Amino acid sequence: MSPSVTGNNLLSPPLGTPGAETSATLLRHPAFTLEHIVSRGGTSPDGFWYDQERAEWVLLLRGHALLRFESGESRHLTAGDPLLIPAHCRHRVDHSSPDALWLALHYQQEPEAG
């Protein structure tokens, strides 16, 4: 089997609408989904919290962002910062720079042994 190119350069995405966030699925598998996200200064809508069925590992490729968690904790991310968000850990994007680019890997988190 030969390798193949699956899209455009991830660091040179098409420009989106300022203040909006867009995402594209790069790879889908039963065990995971890999997304490319362009934030363009976007934030989560007022009162909205992500509450995802699967864990999410994010890597901020460019820009900076502020994520807030329902627990009251917040995390400021800059280019190169990874973050693991457990399944059902309610969170929101409070701020992202107009040039923010992300990779997001969604996967089924293994139950904790107990």
PDB file of N, CA and C in Angstrom:
ATOM      1  N   MET A   1       0.849  -1.180   0.000  1.00  0.00           N
ATOM      2  CA  MET A   1       0.000   0.000   0.000  1.00  0.00           C
ATOM      3  C   MET A   1       0.889   1.235   0.000  1.00  0.00           C
ATOM      4  N   SER A   2       0.543   2.217  -0.794  1.00  0.00           N
ATOM      5  CA  SER A   2       1.322   3.447  -0.912  1.00  0.00           C
ATOM      6  C   SER A   2       0.755   4.534  -0.016  1.00  0.00           C
ATOM      7  N   PRO A   3       1.630   5.409   0.510  1.00  0.00           N
ATOM      8  CA  PRO A   3       1.126   6.563   1.269  1.00  0.00           C
ATOM      9  C   PRO A   3       0.411   7.512   0.322  1.00  0.00           C
ATOM     10  N   SER A   4      -0.496   8.296   0.885  1.00  0.00           N
ATOM     11  CA  SER A   4      -1.212   9.264   0.049  1.00  0.00           C
ATOM     12  C   SER A   4      -1.359  10.587   0.779  1.00  0.00           C
ATOM     13  N   VAL A   5      -1.444  11.637   0.010  1.00  0.00           N
ATOM     14  CA  VAL A   5      -1.689  12.964   0.555  1.00  0.00           C
ATOM     15  C   VAL A   5      -3.184  13.071   0.805  1.00  0.00           C
ATOM     16  N   THR A   6      -3.560  13.551   1.998  1.00  0.00           N
ATOM     17  CA  THR A   6      -4.975  13.570   2.363  1.00  0.00           C
ATOM     18  C   THR A   6      -5.581  14.961   2.419  1.00  0.00           C
ATOM     19  N   GLY A   7      -4.870  15.976   2.002  1.00  0.00           N
ATOM     20  CA  GLY A   7      -5.438  17.322   2.046  1.00  0.00           C
ATOM     21  C   GLY A   7      -4.370  18.376   1.915  1.00  0.00           C
ATOM     22  N   ASN A   8      -4.756  19.592   2.187  1.00  0.00           N
ATOM     23  CA  ASN A   8      -3.851  20.737   2.108  1.00  0.00           C
ATOM     24  C   ASN A   8      -2.931  20.788   3.319  1.00  0.00           C
ATOM     25  N   ASN A   9      -1.942  21.634   3.245  1.00  0.00           N
ATOM     26  CA  ASN A   9      -1.048  21.868   4.360  1.00  0.00           C
ATOM     27  C   ASN A   9      -1.856  22.359   5.558  1.00  0.00           C
ATOM     28  N   LEU A  10      -1.713  21.705   6.693  1.00  0.00           N
ATOM     29  CA  LEU A  10      -2.524  22.025   7.875  1.00  0.00           C
ATOM     30  C   LEU A  10      -2.183  23.373   8.495  1.00  0.00           C
ATOM     31  N   LEU A  11      -1.009  23.898   8.204  1.00  0.00           N
ATOM     32  CA  LEU A  11      -0.637  25.202   8.744  1.00  0.00           C
ATOM     33  C   LEU A  11      -1.034  26.338   7.822  1.00  0.00           C
ATOM     34  N   SER A  12      -1.572  26.016   6.662  1.00  0.00           N
ATOM     35  CA  SER A  12      -2.035  27.022   5.701  1.00  0.00           C
ATOM     36  C   SER A  12      -3.488  26.731   5.320  1.00  0.00           C
ATOM     37  N   PRO A  13      -4.390  26.737   6.299  1.00  0.00           N
ATOM     38  CA  PRO A  13      -5.780  26.415   5.988  1.00  0.00           C
ATOM     39  C   PRO A  13      -6.465  27.567   5.252  1.00  0.00           C
ATOM     40  N   PRO A  14      -7.579  27.286   4.608  1.00  0.00           N
ATOM     41  CA  PRO A  14      -8.338  28.385   4.014  1.00  0.00           C
ATOM     42  C   PRO A  14      -8.804  29.341   5.115  1.00  0.00           C
ATOM     43  N   LEU A  15      -8.879  30.595   4.800  1.00  0.00           N
ATOM     44  CA  LEU A  15      -9.335  31.575   5.786  1.00  0.00           C
ATOM     45  C   LEU A  15     -10.808  31.356   6.070  1.00  0.00           C
ATOM     46  N   GLY A  16     -11.164  31.391   7.312  1.00  0.00           N
ATOM     47  CA  GLY A  16     -12.557  31.276   7.703  1.00  0.00           C
ATOM     48  C   GLY A  16     -13.120  32.644   8.003  1.00  0.00           C
ATOM     49  N   THR A  17     -14.331  32.667   8.493  1.00  0.00           N
ATOM     50  CA  THR A  17     -14.991  33.902   8.864  1.00  0.00           C
ATOM     51  C   THR A  17     -14.433  34.394  10.198  1.00  0.00           C
ATOM     52  N   PRO A  18     -13.962  35.637  10.276  1.00  0.00           N
ATOM     53  CA  PRO A  18     -13.472  36.152  11.556  1.00  0.00           C
ATOM     54  C   PRO A  18     -14.528  36.005  12.654  1.00  0.00           C
ATOM     55  N   GLY A  19     -14.074  35.547  13.816  1.00  0.00           N
ATOM     56  CA  GLY A  19     -14.959  35.345  14.953  1.00  0.00           C
ATOM     57  C   GLY A  19     -15.658  33.997  14.948  1.00  0.00           C
ATOM     58  N   ALA A  20     -15.422  33.190  13.933  1.00  0.00           N
ATOM     59  CA  ALA A  20     -16.093  31.892  13.832  1.00  0.00           C
ATOM     60  C   ALA A  20     -15.078  30.760  13.966  1.00  0.00           C
ATOM     61  N   GLU A  21     -15.582  29.578  14.231  1.00  0.00           N
ATOM     62  CA  GLU A  21     -14.745  28.392  14.315  1.00  0.00           C
ATOM     63  C   GLU A  21     -15.261  27.379  13.310  1.00  0.00           C
ATOM     64  N   THR A  22     -14.357  26.773  12.555  1.00  0.00           N
ATOM     65  CA  THR A  22     -14.726  25.730  11.609  1.00  0.00           C
ATOM     66  C   THR A  22     -13.848  24.515  11.865  1.00  0.00           C
ATOM     67  N   SER A  23     -14.373  23.357  11.556  1.00  0.00           N
ATOM     68  CA  SER A  23     -13.581  22.141  11.729  1.00  0.00           C
ATOM     69  C   SER A  23     -13.779  21.225  10.535  1.00  0.00           C
ATOM     70  N   ALA A  24     -12.768  20.414  10.297  1.00  0.00           N
ATOM     71  CA  ALA A  24     -12.811  19.435   9.220  1.00  0.00           C
ATOM     72  C   ALA A  24     -12.266  18.120   9.758  1.00  0.00           C
ATOM     73  N   THR A  25     -12.932  17.038   9.451  1.00  0.00           N
ATOM     74  CA  THR A  25     -12.448  15.723   9.855  1.00  0.00           C
ATOM     75  C   THR A  25     -11.327  15.311   8.913  1.00  0.00           C
ATOM     76  N   LEU A  26     -10.166  15.024   9.476  1.00  0.00           N
ATOM     77  CA  LEU A  26      -9.020  14.588   8.689  1.00  0.00           C
ATOM     78  C   LEU A  26      -8.991  13.074   8.533  1.00  0.00           C
ATOM     79  N   LEU A  27      -9.413  12.379   9.591  1.00  0.00           N
ATOM     80  CA  LEU A  27      -9.359  10.927   9.600  1.00  0.00           C
ATOM     81  C   LEU A  27     -10.423  10.404  10.558  1.00  0.00           C
ATOM     82  N   ARG A  28     -11.201   9.448  10.070  1.00  0.00           N
ATOM     83  CA  ARG A  28     -12.233   8.847  10.922  1.00  0.00           C
ATOM     84  C   ARG A  28     -12.000   7.335  10.961  1.00  0.00           C
ATOM     85  N   HIS A  29     -12.053   6.788  12.152  1.00  0.00           N
ATOM     86  CA  HIS A  29     -11.846   5.363  12.392  1.00  0.00           C
ATOM     87  C   HIS A  29     -12.806   4.990  13.518  1.00  0.00           C
ATOM     88  N   PRO A  30     -13.241   3.742  13.622  1.00  0.00           N
ATOM     89  CA  PRO A  30     -14.142   3.399  14.733  1.00  0.00           C
ATOM     90  C   PRO A  30     -13.575   3.750  16.115  1.00  0.00           C
ATOM     91  N   ALA A  31     -12.245   3.745  16.246  1.00  0.00           N
ATOM     92  CA  ALA A  31     -11.630   4.013  17.550  1.00  0.00           C
ATOM     93  C   ALA A  31     -11.359   5.482  17.809  1.00  0.00           C
ATOM     94  N   PHE A  32     -11.322   6.317  16.752  1.00  0.00           N
ATOM     95  CA  PHE A  32     -10.982   7.719  16.958  1.00  0.00           C
ATOM     96  C   PHE A  32     -11.417   8.573  15.772  1.00  0.00           C
ATOM     97  N   THR A  33     -11.441   9.880  16.012  1.00  0.00           N
ATOM     98  CA  THR A  33     -11.660  10.871  14.962  1.00  0.00           C
ATOM     99  C   THR A  33     -10.602  11.951  15.145  1.00  0.00           C
ATOM    100  N   LEU A  34      -9.948  12.316  14.049  1.00  0.00           N
ATOM    101  CA  LEU A  34      -8.942  13.369  14.070  1.00  0.00           C
ATOM    102  C   LEU A  34      -9.496  14.568  13.315  1.00  0.00           C
ATOM    103  N   GLU A  35      -9.532  15.732  13.985  1.00  0.00           N
ATOM    104  CA  GLU A  35     -10.080  16.947  13.384  1.00  0.00           C
ATOM    105  C   GLU A  35      -9.035  18.051  13.301  1.00  0.00           C
ATOM    106  N   HIS A  36      -9.212  18.908  12.322  1.00  0.00           N
ATOM    107  CA  HIS A  36      -8.434  20.130  12.170  1.00  0.00           C
ATOM    108  C   HIS A  36      -9.417  21.272  12.433  1.00  0.00           C
ATOM    109  N   ILE A  37      -9.074  22.163  13.354  1.00  0.00           N
ATOM    110  CA  ILE A  37      -9.985  23.237  13.754  1.00  0.00           C
ATOM    111  C   ILE A  37      -9.313  24.585  13.510  1.00  0.00           C
ATOM    112  N   VAL A  38     -10.043  25.489  12.878  1.00  0.00           N
ATOM    113  CA  VAL A  38      -9.600  26.868  12.649  1.00  0.00           C
ATOM    114  C   VAL A  38     -10.519  27.747  13.489  1.00  0.00           C
ATOM    115  N   SER A  39      -9.946  28.461  14.463  1.00  0.00           N
ATOM    116  CA  SER A  39     -10.789  29.236  15.383  1.00  0.00           C
ATOM    117  C   SER A  39     -11.073  30.659  14.926  1.00  0.00           C
ATOM    118  N   ARG A  40     -10.139  31.346  14.301  1.00  0.00           N
ATOM    119  CA  ARG A  40     -10.352  32.704  13.773  1.00  0.00           C
ATOM    120  C   ARG A  40     -10.937  33.669  14.815  1.00  0.00           C
ATOM    121  N   GLY A  41     -10.518  33.526  16.070  1.00  0.00           N
ATOM    122  CA  GLY A  41     -11.006  34.415  17.120  1.00  0.00           C
ATOM    123  C   GLY A  41     -12.332  33.967  17.706  1.00  0.00           C
ATOM    124  N   GLY A  42     -12.766  32.780  17.361  1.00  0.00           N
ATOM    125  CA  GLY A  42     -14.067  32.285  17.828  1.00  0.00           C
ATOM    126  C   GLY A  42     -14.068  31.920  19.303  1.00  0.00           C
ATOM    127  N   THR A  43     -15.247  31.995  19.891  1.00  0.00           N
ATOM    128  CA  THR A  43     -15.461  31.579  21.273  1.00  0.00           C
ATOM    129  C   THR A  43     -16.729  30.737  21.310  1.00  0.00           C
ATOM    130  N   SER A  44     -16.900  30.001  22.393  1.00  0.00           N
ATOM    131  CA  SER A  44     -18.138  29.247  22.566  1.00  0.00           C
ATOM    132  C   SER A  44     -19.284  30.223  22.813  1.00  0.00           C
ATOM    133  N   PRO A  45     -20.483  29.909  22.313  1.00  0.00           N
ATOM    134  CA  PRO A  45     -21.631  30.791  22.565  1.00  0.00           C
ATOM    135  C   PRO A  45     -21.897  30.936  24.067  1.00  0.00           C
ATOM    136  N   ASP A  46     -22.459  32.061  24.463  1.00  0.00           N
ATOM    137  CA  ASP A  46     -22.801  32.287  25.868  1.00  0.00           C
ATOM    138  C   ASP A  46     -23.622  31.130  26.407  1.00  0.00           C
ATOM    139  N   GLY A  47     -23.217  30.620  27.564  1.00  0.00           N
ATOM    140  CA  GLY A  47     -23.953  29.549  28.224  1.00  0.00           C
ATOM    141  C   GLY A  47     -23.714  28.158  27.659  1.00  0.00           C
ATOM    142  N   PHE A  48     -22.912  28.035  26.599  1.00  0.00           N
ATOM    143  CA  PHE A  48     -22.667  26.732  25.974  1.00  0.00           C
ATOM    144  C   PHE A  48     -21.455  26.049  26.594  1.00  0.00           C
ATOM    145  N   TRP A  49     -21.581  24.760  26.860  1.00  0.00           N
ATOM    146  CA  TRP A  49     -20.482  23.935  27.359  1.00  0.00           C
ATOM    147  C   TRP A  49     -20.361  22.693  26.485  1.00  0.00           C
ATOM    148  N   TYR A  50     -19.148  22.378  26.045  1.00  0.00           N
ATOM    149  CA  TYR A  50     -18.920  21.090  25.399  1.00  0.00           C
ATOM    150  C   TYR A  50     -19.027  20.022  26.477  1.00  0.00           C
ATOM    151  N   ASP A  51     -19.748  18.949  26.187  1.00  0.00           N
ATOM    152  CA  ASP A  51     -19.871  17.796  27.084  1.00  0.00           C
ATOM    153  C   ASP A  51     -19.834  16.571  26.176  1.00  0.00           C
ATOM    154  N   GLN A  52     -18.632  16.097  25.903  1.00  0.00           N
ATOM    155  CA  GLN A  52     -18.413  15.103  24.865  1.00  0.00           C
ATOM    156  C   GLN A  52     -18.378  13.686  25.418  1.00  0.00           C
ATOM    157  N   GLU A  53     -18.891  12.762  24.623  1.00  0.00           N
ATOM    158  CA  GLU A  53     -18.934  11.345  24.985  1.00  0.00           C
ATOM    159  C   GLU A  53     -17.540  10.723  25.027  1.00  0.00           C
ATOM    160  N   ARG A  54     -16.626  11.275  24.228  1.00  0.00           N
ATOM    161  CA  ARG A  54     -15.286  10.705  24.130  1.00  0.00           C
ATOM    162  C   ARG A  54     -14.250  11.697  24.651  1.00  0.00           C
ATOM    163  N   ALA A  55     -13.124  11.173  25.086  1.00  0.00           N
ATOM    164  CA  ALA A  55     -12.009  12.030  25.522  1.00  0.00           C
ATOM    165  C   ALA A  55     -11.499  12.796  24.304  1.00  0.00           C
ATOM    166  N   GLU A  56     -10.881  13.945  24.569  1.00  0.00           N
ATOM    167  CA  GLU A  56     -10.346  14.770  23.493  1.00  0.00           C
ATOM    168  C   GLU A  56      -8.931  15.217  23.865  1.00  0.00           C
ATOM    169  N   TRP A  57      -7.994  14.900  22.990  1.00  0.00           N
ATOM    170  CA  TRP A  57      -6.635  15.405  23.115  1.00  0.00           C
ATOM    171  C   TRP A  57      -6.495  16.488  22.070  1.00  0.00           C
ATOM    172  N   VAL A  58      -6.145  17.699  22.499  1.00  0.00           N
ATOM    173  CA  VAL A  58      -5.984  18.803  21.557  1.00  0.00           C
ATOM    174  C   VAL A  58      -4.534  19.271  21.566  1.00  0.00           C
ATOM    175  N   LEU A  59      -4.110  19.765  20.413  1.00  0.00           N
ATOM    176  CA  LEU A  59      -2.802  20.378  20.259  1.00  0.00           C
ATOM    177  C   LEU A  59      -3.022  21.686  19.532  1.00  0.00           C
ATOM    178  N   LEU A  60      -2.634  22.778  20.171  1.00  0.00           N
ATOM    179  CA  LEU A  60      -2.732  24.078  19.528  1.00  0.00           C
ATOM    180  C   LEU A  60      -1.501  24.244  18.637  1.00  0.00           C
ATOM    181  N   LEU A  61      -1.720  24.281  17.334  1.00  0.00           N
ATOM    182  CA  LEU A  61      -0.624  24.370  16.369  1.00  0.00           C
ATOM    183  C   LEU A  61      -0.122  25.796  16.195  1.00  0.00           C
ATOM    184  N   ARG A  62      -1.029  26.756  16.302  1.00  0.00           N
ATOM    185  CA  ARG A  62      -0.679  28.166  16.084  1.00  0.00           C
ATOM    186  C   ARG A  62      -1.627  29.028  16.902  1.00  0.00           C
ATOM    187  N   GLY A  63      -1.150  30.188  17.336  1.00  0.00           N
ATOM    188  CA  GLY A  63      -1.987  31.149  18.055  1.00  0.00           C
ATOM    189  C   GLY A  63      -2.014  30.890  19.549  1.00  0.00           C
ATOM    190  N   HIS A  64      -3.066  31.371  20.172  1.00  0.00           N
ATOM    191  CA  HIS A  64      -3.274  31.153  21.605  1.00  0.00           C
ATOM    192  C   HIS A  64      -4.769  31.062  21.872  1.00  0.00           C
ATOM    193  N   ALA A  65      -5.113  30.456  23.012  1.00  0.00           N
ATOM    194  CA  ALA A  65      -6.521  30.262  23.357  1.00  0.00           C
ATOM    195  C   ALA A  65      -6.662  30.122  24.865  1.00  0.00           C
ATOM    196  N   LEU A  66      -7.857  30.400  25.342  1.00  0.00           N
ATOM    197  CA  LEU A  66      -8.186  30.229  26.750  1.00  0.00           C
ATOM    198  C   LEU A  66      -9.385  29.300  26.838  1.00  0.00           C
ATOM    199  N   LEU A  67      -9.188  28.148  27.491  1.00  0.00           N
ATOM    200  CA  LEU A  67     -10.271  27.201  27.727  1.00  0.00           C
ATOM    201  C   LEU A  67     -10.685  27.299  29.180  1.00  0.00           C
ATOM    202  N   ARG A  68     -11.987  27.260  29.416  1.00  0.00           N
ATOM    203  CA  ARG A  68     -12.510  27.301  30.786  1.00  0.00           C
ATOM    204  C   ARG A  68     -13.299  26.028  31.029  1.00  0.00           C
ATOM    205  N   PHE A  69     -13.186  25.500  32.229  1.00  0.00           N
ATOM    206  CA  PHE A  69     -13.849  24.269  32.610  1.00  0.00           C
ATOM    207  C   PHE A  69     -14.934  24.577  33.627  1.00  0.00           C
ATOM    208  N   GLU A  70     -15.977  23.776  33.611  1.00  0.00           N
ATOM    209  CA  GLU A  70     -17.101  23.993  34.528  1.00  0.00           C
ATOM    210  C   GLU A  70     -16.638  23.954  35.983  1.00  0.00           C
ATOM    211  N   SER A  71     -15.562  23.254  36.250  1.00  0.00           N
ATOM    212  CA  SER A  71     -15.011  23.163  37.608  1.00  0.00           C
ATOM    213  C   SER A  71     -14.482  24.508  38.103  1.00  0.00           C
ATOM    214  N   GLY A  72     -14.311  25.488  37.187  1.00  0.00           N
ATOM    215  CA  GLY A  72     -13.766  26.786  37.543  1.00  0.00           C
ATOM    216  C   GLY A  72     -12.323  26.952  37.103  1.00  0.00           C
ATOM    217  N   GLU A  73     -11.667  25.859  36.767  1.00  0.00           N
ATOM    218  CA  GLU A  73     -10.288  25.909  36.277  1.00  0.00           C
ATOM    219  C   GLU A  73     -10.260  26.470  34.863  1.00  0.00           C
ATOM    220  N   SER A  74      -9.181  27.114  34.499  1.00  0.00           N
ATOM    221  CA  SER A  74      -8.996  27.564  33.125  1.00  0.00           C
ATOM    222  C   SER A  74      -7.567  27.250  32.705  1.00  0.00           C
ATOM    223  N   ARG A  75      -7.375  27.142  31.391  1.00  0.00           N
ATOM    224  CA  ARG A  75      -6.049  26.857  30.844  1.00  0.00           C
ATOM    225  C   ARG A  75      -5.785  27.774  29.675  1.00  0.00           C
ATOM    226  N   HIS A  76      -4.674  28.498  29.734  1.00  0.00           N
ATOM    227  CA  HIS A  76      -4.242  29.325  28.616  1.00  0.00           C
ATOM    228  C   HIS A  76      -3.268  28.482  27.807  1.00  0.00           C
ATOM    229  N   LEU A  77      -3.528  28.329  26.520  1.00  0.00           N
ATOM    230  CA  LEU A  77      -2.685  27.535  25.639  1.00  0.00           C
ATOM    231  C   LEU A  77      -2.009  28.439  24.618  1.00  0.00           C
ATOM    232  N   THR A  78      -0.761  28.130  24.309  1.00  0.00           N
ATOM    233  CA  THR A  78      -0.036  28.800  23.239  1.00  0.00           C
ATOM    234  C   THR A  78       0.449  27.728  22.262  1.00  0.00           C
ATOM    235  N   ALA A  79       0.918  28.156  21.110  1.00  0.00           N
ATOM    236  CA  ALA A  79       1.336  27.224  20.062  1.00  0.00           C
ATOM    237  C   ALA A  79       2.258  26.137  20.627  1.00  0.00           C
ATOM    238  N   GLY A  80       1.924  24.903  20.313  1.00  0.00           N
ATOM    239  CA  GLY A  80       2.694  23.760  20.780  1.00  0.00           C
ATOM    240  C   GLY A  80       2.153  23.105  22.029  1.00  0.00           C
ATOM    241  N   ASP A  81       1.186  23.738  22.709  1.00  0.00           N
ATOM    242  CA  ASP A  81       0.642  23.174  23.947  1.00  0.00           C
ATOM    243  C   ASP A  81      -0.399  22.093  23.658  1.00  0.00           C
ATOM    244  N   PRO A  82      -0.218  20.893  24.267  1.00  0.00           N
ATOM    245  CA  PRO A  82      -1.244  19.864  24.193  1.00  0.00           C
ATOM    246  C   PRO A  82      -2.110  19.897  25.457  1.00  0.00           C
ATOM    247  N   LEU A  83      -3.292  19.334  25.373  1.00  0.00           N
ATOM    248  CA  LEU A  83      -4.171  19.252  26.534  1.00  0.00           C
ATOM    249  C   LEU A  83      -5.073  18.043  26.365  1.00  0.00           C
ATOM    250  N   LEU A  84      -5.209  17.243  27.415  1.00  0.00           N
ATOM    251  CA  LEU A  84      -6.115  16.097  27.413  1.00  0.00           C
ATOM    252  C   LEU A  84      -7.365  16.466  28.203  1.00  0.00           C
ATOM    253  N   ILE A  85      -8.516  16.361  27.558  1.00  0.00           N
ATOM    254  CA  ILE A  85      -9.796  16.683  28.187  1.00  0.00           C
ATOM    255  C   ILE A  85     -10.573  15.377  28.325  1.00  0.00           C
ATOM    256  N   PRO A  86     -10.791  14.896  29.550  1.00  0.00           N
ATOM    257  CA  PRO A  86     -11.514  13.639  29.724  1.00  0.00           C
ATOM    258  C   PRO A  86     -12.946  13.717  29.191  1.00  0.00           C
ATOM    259  N   ALA A  87     -13.499  12.568  28.880  1.00  0.00           N
ATOM    260  CA  ALA A  87     -14.897  12.497  28.457  1.00  0.00           C
ATOM    261  C   ALA A  87     -15.779  13.143  29.529  1.00  0.00           C
ATOM    262  N   HIS A  88     -16.781  13.856  29.104  1.00  0.00           N
ATOM    263  CA  HIS A  88     -17.769  14.522  29.966  1.00  0.00           C
ATOM    264  C   HIS A  88     -17.184  15.585  30.891  1.00  0.00           C
ATOM    265  N   CYS A  89     -15.993  16.062  30.584  1.00  0.00           N
ATOM    266  CA  CYS A  89     -15.412  17.195  31.314  1.00  0.00           C
ATOM    267  C   CYS A  89     -15.912  18.453  30.600  1.00  0.00           C
ATOM    268  N   ARG A  90     -16.906  19.078  31.189  1.00  0.00           N
ATOM    269  CA  ARG A  90     -17.551  20.219  30.529  1.00  0.00           C
ATOM    270  C   ARG A  90     -16.579  21.386  30.420  1.00  0.00           C
ATOM    271  N   HIS A  91     -16.468  21.928  29.185  1.00  0.00           N
ATOM    272  CA  HIS A  91     -15.514  23.001  28.920  1.00  0.00           C
ATOM    273  C   HIS A  91     -16.031  23.894  27.806  1.00  0.00           C
ATOM    274  N   ARG A  92     -15.387  25.040  27.670  1.00  0.00           N
ATOM    275  CA  ARG A  92     -15.754  26.008  26.642  1.00  0.00           C
ATOM    276  C   ARG A  92     -14.516  26.793  26.228  1.00  0.00           C
ATOM    277  N   VAL A  93     -14.577  27.384  25.052  1.00  0.00           N
ATOM    278  CA  VAL A  93     -13.507  28.258  24.574  1.00  0.00           C
ATOM    279  C   VAL A  93     -13.905  29.681  24.942  1.00  0.00           C
ATOM    280  N   ASP A  94     -13.169  30.294  25.863  1.00  0.00           N
ATOM    281  CA  ASP A  94     -13.460  31.670  26.270  1.00  0.00           C
ATOM    282  C   ASP A  94     -12.783  32.683  25.366  1.00  0.00           C
ATOM    283  N   HIS A  95     -11.678  32.278  24.737  1.00  0.00           N
ATOM    284  CA  HIS A  95     -10.973  33.185  23.830  1.00  0.00           C
ATOM    285  C   HIS A  95     -10.093  32.355  22.912  1.00  0.00           C
ATOM    286  N   SER A  96      -9.988  32.790  21.665  1.00  0.00           N
ATOM    287  CA  SER A  96      -8.979  32.236  20.761  1.00  0.00           C
ATOM    288  C   SER A  96      -8.482  33.370  19.873  1.00  0.00           C
ATOM    289  N   SER A  97      -7.212  33.294  19.519  1.00  0.00           N
ATOM    290  CA  SER A  97      -6.649  34.321  18.646  1.00  0.00           C
ATOM    291  C   SER A  97      -7.166  34.115  17.222  1.00  0.00           C
ATOM    292  N   PRO A  98      -7.140  35.164  16.417  1.00  0.00           N
ATOM    293  CA  PRO A  98      -7.640  35.055  15.046  1.00  0.00           C
ATOM    294  C   PRO A  98      -6.874  34.071  14.174  1.00  0.00           C
ATOM    295  N   ASP A  99      -5.679  33.663  14.627  1.00  0.00           N
ATOM    296  CA  ASP A  99      -4.873  32.722  13.850  1.00  0.00           C
ATOM    297  C   ASP A  99      -4.792  31.340  14.494  1.00  0.00           C
ATOM    298  N   ALA A 100      -5.689  31.027  15.426  1.00  0.00           N
ATOM    299  CA  ALA A 100      -5.613  29.769  16.164  1.00  0.00           C
ATOM    300  C   ALA A 100      -5.944  28.564  15.280  1.00  0.00           C
ATOM    301  N   LEU A 101      -5.027  27.602  15.295  1.00  0.00           N
ATOM    302  CA  LEU A 101      -5.203  26.333  14.580  1.00  0.00           C
ATOM    303  C   LEU A 101      -5.003  25.196  15.564  1.00  0.00           C
ATOM    304  N   TRP A 102      -5.847  24.195  15.477  1.00  0.00           N
ATOM    305  CA  TRP A 102      -5.823  23.066  16.401  1.00  0.00           C
ATOM    306  C   TRP A 102      -5.828  21.740  15.654  1.00  0.00           C
ATOM    307  N   LEU A 103      -5.305  20.715  16.307  1.00  0.00           N
ATOM    308  CA  LEU A 103      -5.591  19.323  15.979  1.00  0.00           C
ATOM    309  C   LEU A 103      -6.331  18.778  17.182  1.00  0.00           C
ATOM    310  N   ALA A 104      -7.391  18.040  16.941  1.00  0.00           N
ATOM    311  CA  ALA A 104      -8.168  17.448  18.028  1.00  0.00           C
ATOM    312  C   ALA A 104      -8.370  15.963  17.738  1.00  0.00           C
ATOM    313  N   LEU A 105      -7.960  15.136  18.677  1.00  0.00           N
ATOM    314  CA  LEU A 105      -8.129  13.693  18.569  1.00  0.00           C
ATOM    315  C   LEU A 105      -9.187  13.263  19.581  1.00  0.00           C
ATOM    316  N   HIS A 106     -10.304  12.756  19.084  1.00  0.00           N
ATOM    317  CA  HIS A 106     -11.396  12.271  19.940  1.00  0.00           C
ATOM    318  C   HIS A 106     -11.315  10.750  19.975  1.00  0.00           C
ATOM    319  N   TYR A 107     -11.340  10.174  21.172  1.00  0.00           N
ATOM    320  CA  TYR A 107     -11.221   8.721  21.294  1.00  0.00           C
ATOM    321  C   TYR A 107     -11.979   8.229  22.516  1.00  0.00           C
ATOM    322  N   GLN A 108     -12.290   6.936  22.503  1.00  0.00           N
ATOM    323  CA  GLN A 108     -12.995   6.339  23.627  1.00  0.00           C
ATOM    324  C   GLN A 108     -12.007   6.143  24.768  1.00  0.00           C
ATOM    325  N   GLN A 109     -12.298   6.760  25.884  1.00  0.00           N
ATOM    326  CA  GLN A 109     -11.421   6.680  27.046  1.00  0.00           C
ATOM    327  C   GLN A 109     -11.669   5.360  27.761  1.00  0.00           C
ATOM    328  N   GLU A 110     -10.590   4.690  28.143  1.00  0.00           N
ATOM    329  CA  GLU A 110     -10.708   3.425  28.878  1.00  0.00           C
ATOM    330  C   GLU A 110     -11.243   3.710  30.291  1.00  0.00           C
ATOM    331  N   PRO A 111     -12.164   2.873  30.761  1.00  0.00           N
ATOM    332  CA  PRO A 111     -12.656   3.078  32.140  1.00  0.00           C
ATOM    333  C   PRO A 111     -11.524   2.884  33.141  1.00  0.00           C
ATOM    334  N   GLU A 112     -11.585   3.649  34.212  1.00  0.00           N
ATOM    335  CA  GLU A 112     -10.558   3.527  35.255  1.00  0.00           C
ATOM    336  C   GLU A 112     -10.744   2.222  35.998  1.00  0.00           C
ATOM    337  N   ALA A 113      -9.647   1.557  36.285  1.00  0.00           N
ATOM    338  CA  ALA A 113      -9.691   0.302  37.038  1.00  0.00           C
ATOM    339  C   ALA A 113     -10.097   0.607  38.475  1.00  0.00           C
ATOM    340  N   GLY A 114     -10.864  -0.243  39.024  1.00  0.00           N
ATOM    341  CA  GLY A 114     -11.259   0.050  40.395  1.00  0.00           C
ATOM    342  C   GLY A 114     -11.849  -1.063  41.003  1.00  0.00           C
TER     343      GLY A 114
END
